């Protein structure tokens, strides 16, 4: 299995979107494309007070200045 990472900013915090090429959910089916798995140095749910259904901003594909702007 291959894991792909995409640098991102989650409401200004540095992170990576993580996606496995053969992602599966608990039923063994491919994961829904409407969900992202994001990892970072902070626990996003706690730091940004995210609950299920909360809308957040995720930015991708910036330059070095964009990446350096994140916390």
N, C-alpha and C. Protein backbone atom coordinates (compact mmCIF):
# COMPACT_ATOMS: atom_id res chain seq x y z
N UNK A 1 0.85 -1.18 0.00
CA UNK A 1 0.00 0.00 0.00
C UNK A 1 0.89 1.24 0.00
N UNK A 2 0.50 2.25 -0.74
CA UNK A 2 1.20 3.52 -0.82
C UNK A 2 0.39 4.58 -0.09
N UNK A 3 1.08 5.42 0.68
CA UNK A 3 0.44 6.54 1.36
C UNK A 3 0.93 7.82 0.70
N UNK A 4 0.01 8.68 0.31
CA UNK A 4 0.36 9.94 -0.32
C UNK A 4 0.08 11.08 0.64
N UNK A 5 1.01 12.06 0.70
CA UNK A 5 0.87 13.21 1.58
C UNK A 5 0.82 14.49 0.74
N UNK A 6 -0.04 15.41 1.14
CA UNK A 6 -0.15 16.71 0.47
C UNK A 6 -0.05 17.79 1.54
N UNK A 7 1.02 18.63 1.51
CA UNK A 7 1.11 19.71 2.49
C UNK A 7 -0.12 20.61 2.41
N UNK A 8 -0.55 21.08 3.57
CA UNK A 8 -1.72 21.95 3.61
C UNK A 8 -1.64 22.87 4.81
N UNK A 9 -2.49 23.89 4.79
CA UNK A 9 -2.70 24.74 5.96
C UNK A 9 -4.15 24.58 6.37
N UNK A 10 -4.37 24.26 7.63
CA UNK A 10 -5.71 24.08 8.17
C UNK A 10 -5.98 25.27 9.09
N UNK A 11 -6.78 26.21 8.61
CA UNK A 11 -7.02 27.46 9.35
C UNK A 11 -5.70 28.04 9.87
N UNK A 12 -4.67 28.04 9.01
CA UNK A 12 -3.38 28.64 9.34
C UNK A 12 -2.38 27.73 10.02
N UNK A 13 -2.75 26.50 10.34
CA UNK A 13 -1.85 25.55 10.99
C UNK A 13 -1.32 24.57 9.95
N UNK A 14 0.00 24.32 9.97
CA UNK A 14 0.61 23.39 9.03
C UNK A 14 0.12 21.97 9.26
N UNK A 15 -0.07 21.26 8.18
CA UNK A 15 -0.50 19.88 8.27
C UNK A 15 -0.24 19.15 6.97
N UNK A 16 -0.64 17.91 6.91
CA UNK A 16 -0.56 17.10 5.71
C UNK A 16 -1.85 16.33 5.54
N UNK A 17 -2.39 16.38 4.33
CA UNK A 17 -3.52 15.52 3.99
C UNK A 17 -2.92 14.16 3.68
N UNK A 18 -3.44 13.12 4.30
CA UNK A 18 -2.92 11.78 4.11
C UNK A 18 -3.96 10.93 3.39
N UNK A 19 -3.52 10.23 2.35
CA UNK A 19 -4.43 9.38 1.59
C UNK A 19 -3.70 8.11 1.18
N UNK A 20 -4.28 6.98 1.49
CA UNK A 20 -3.73 5.70 1.06
C UNK A 20 -4.31 5.37 -0.31
N UNK A 21 -3.51 4.76 -1.17
CA UNK A 21 -4.00 4.44 -2.50
C UNK A 21 -5.09 3.38 -2.47
N UNK A 22 -5.15 2.60 -1.40
CA UNK A 22 -6.17 1.57 -1.26
C UNK A 22 -6.91 1.77 0.06
N UNK A 23 -7.38 3.00 0.28
CA UNK A 23 -8.07 3.33 1.54
C UNK A 23 -9.33 2.50 1.71
N UNK A 24 -9.58 2.03 2.91
CA UNK A 24 -10.76 1.23 3.24
C UNK A 24 -11.39 1.78 4.51
N UNK A 25 -12.70 1.68 4.56
CA UNK A 25 -13.37 2.06 5.80
C UNK A 25 -13.65 0.79 6.62
N UNK A 26 -14.41 0.89 7.69
CA UNK A 26 -14.67 -0.25 8.58
C UNK A 26 -15.41 -1.39 7.89
N UNK A 27 -16.11 -1.11 6.80
CA UNK A 27 -16.87 -2.14 6.10
C UNK A 27 -16.05 -2.82 5.01
N UNK A 28 -14.80 -2.34 4.80
CA UNK A 28 -13.96 -2.89 3.75
C UNK A 28 -14.14 -2.21 2.41
N UNK A 29 -15.00 -1.19 2.36
CA UNK A 29 -15.22 -0.45 1.11
C UNK A 29 -14.28 0.73 1.04
N UNK A 30 -14.06 1.23 -0.17
CA UNK A 30 -13.21 2.41 -0.33
C UNK A 30 -13.80 3.57 0.48
N UNK A 31 -12.94 4.32 1.13
CA UNK A 31 -13.38 5.46 1.92
C UNK A 31 -14.07 6.49 1.04
N UNK A 32 -15.01 7.19 1.61
CA UNK A 32 -15.75 8.21 0.86
C UNK A 32 -14.83 9.37 0.53
N UNK A 33 -14.97 9.90 -0.65
CA UNK A 33 -14.13 11.01 -1.09
C UNK A 33 -14.49 12.32 -0.40
N UNK A 34 -15.59 12.34 0.32
CA UNK A 34 -16.00 13.58 1.00
C UNK A 34 -15.30 13.77 2.34
N UNK A 35 -14.41 12.85 2.71
CA UNK A 35 -13.70 12.95 3.98
C UNK A 35 -12.19 13.02 3.74
N UNK A 36 -11.51 13.83 4.56
CA UNK A 36 -10.06 13.93 4.51
C UNK A 36 -9.49 13.48 5.84
N UNK A 37 -8.30 12.89 5.77
CA UNK A 37 -7.56 12.63 6.99
C UNK A 37 -6.38 13.58 6.98
N UNK A 38 -6.33 14.45 7.99
CA UNK A 38 -5.28 15.47 8.06
C UNK A 38 -4.52 15.27 9.36
N UNK A 39 -3.18 15.30 9.26
CA UNK A 39 -2.37 15.18 10.46
C UNK A 39 -1.47 16.40 10.56
N UNK A 40 -1.14 16.76 11.79
CA UNK A 40 -0.30 17.94 12.01
C UNK A 40 0.33 17.88 13.39
N UNK A 41 1.02 18.95 13.73
CA UNK A 41 1.68 19.03 15.04
C UNK A 41 0.70 19.28 16.17
N UNK A 42 -0.46 19.79 15.83
CA UNK A 42 -1.49 20.05 16.83
C UNK A 42 -2.64 19.07 16.63
N UNK A 43 -3.45 18.90 17.64
CA UNK A 43 -4.67 18.11 17.50
C UNK A 43 -5.73 19.10 17.02
N UNK A 44 -6.06 19.00 15.73
CA UNK A 44 -6.93 19.99 15.11
C UNK A 44 -8.29 20.09 15.79
N UNK A 45 -8.86 18.96 16.18
CA UNK A 45 -10.17 18.99 16.84
C UNK A 45 -10.14 19.84 18.11
N UNK A 46 -9.05 19.73 18.86
CA UNK A 46 -8.94 20.50 20.11
C UNK A 46 -8.54 21.95 19.85
N UNK A 47 -7.49 22.14 19.04
CA UNK A 47 -6.96 23.47 18.80
C UNK A 47 -7.99 24.38 18.13
N UNK A 48 -8.71 23.85 17.13
CA UNK A 48 -9.68 24.64 16.37
C UNK A 48 -11.11 24.43 16.84
N UNK A 49 -11.28 23.64 17.91
CA UNK A 49 -12.61 23.33 18.46
C UNK A 49 -13.55 22.78 17.39
N UNK A 50 -13.06 21.79 16.67
CA UNK A 50 -13.82 21.17 15.58
C UNK A 50 -14.68 20.05 16.13
N UNK A 51 -15.92 20.01 15.67
CA UNK A 51 -16.83 18.91 15.96
C UNK A 51 -17.32 18.37 14.62
N UNK A 52 -17.92 17.20 14.61
CA UNK A 52 -18.48 16.67 13.38
C UNK A 52 -19.42 17.72 12.77
N UNK A 53 -19.25 17.99 11.48
CA UNK A 53 -20.08 18.95 10.78
C UNK A 53 -19.53 20.37 10.76
N UNK A 54 -18.46 20.65 11.53
CA UNK A 54 -17.85 21.97 11.53
C UNK A 54 -17.15 22.21 10.20
N UNK A 55 -17.36 23.38 9.61
CA UNK A 55 -16.67 23.74 8.37
C UNK A 55 -15.36 24.43 8.70
N UNK A 56 -14.28 24.01 8.03
CA UNK A 56 -12.97 24.61 8.21
C UNK A 56 -12.39 24.93 6.83
N UNK A 57 -11.33 25.74 6.82
CA UNK A 57 -10.65 26.07 5.57
C UNK A 57 -9.35 25.30 5.49
N UNK A 58 -9.16 24.57 4.39
CA UNK A 58 -7.91 23.85 4.14
C UNK A 58 -7.33 24.38 2.83
N UNK A 59 -6.10 24.91 2.91
CA UNK A 59 -5.43 25.43 1.72
C UNK A 59 -4.35 24.44 1.29
N UNK A 60 -4.19 24.25 -0.02
CA UNK A 60 -3.16 23.35 -0.55
C UNK A 60 -2.42 24.03 -1.70
N UNK A 61 -1.23 23.50 -1.97
CA UNK A 61 -0.41 23.86 -3.13
C UNK A 61 0.03 25.31 -3.16
N UNK A 62 0.60 25.79 -2.07
CA UNK A 62 1.18 27.12 -2.04
C UNK A 62 2.68 27.07 -2.28
N UNK A 63 3.30 28.25 -2.33
CA UNK A 63 4.75 28.33 -2.50
C UNK A 63 5.43 28.35 -1.13
N UNK A 64 6.75 28.56 -1.11
CA UNK A 64 7.49 28.56 0.15
C UNK A 64 7.01 29.64 1.12
N UNK A 65 6.68 30.82 0.60
CA UNK A 65 6.19 31.91 1.46
C UNK A 65 4.86 31.52 2.09
N UNK A 66 3.99 30.86 1.31
CA UNK A 66 2.70 30.38 1.82
C UNK A 66 2.95 29.38 2.96
N UNK A 67 3.83 28.42 2.74
CA UNK A 67 4.10 27.39 3.75
C UNK A 67 4.70 28.01 5.00
N UNK A 68 5.63 28.95 4.83
CA UNK A 68 6.26 29.61 5.97
C UNK A 68 5.27 30.46 6.78
N UNK A 69 4.15 30.84 6.17
CA UNK A 69 3.17 31.68 6.87
C UNK A 69 2.37 30.89 7.91
N UNK A 70 2.38 29.57 7.81
CA UNK A 70 1.61 28.75 8.75
C UNK A 70 2.27 28.63 10.10
N UNK A 71 1.41 28.30 11.08
CA UNK A 71 1.92 28.11 12.46
C UNK A 71 2.38 26.69 12.64
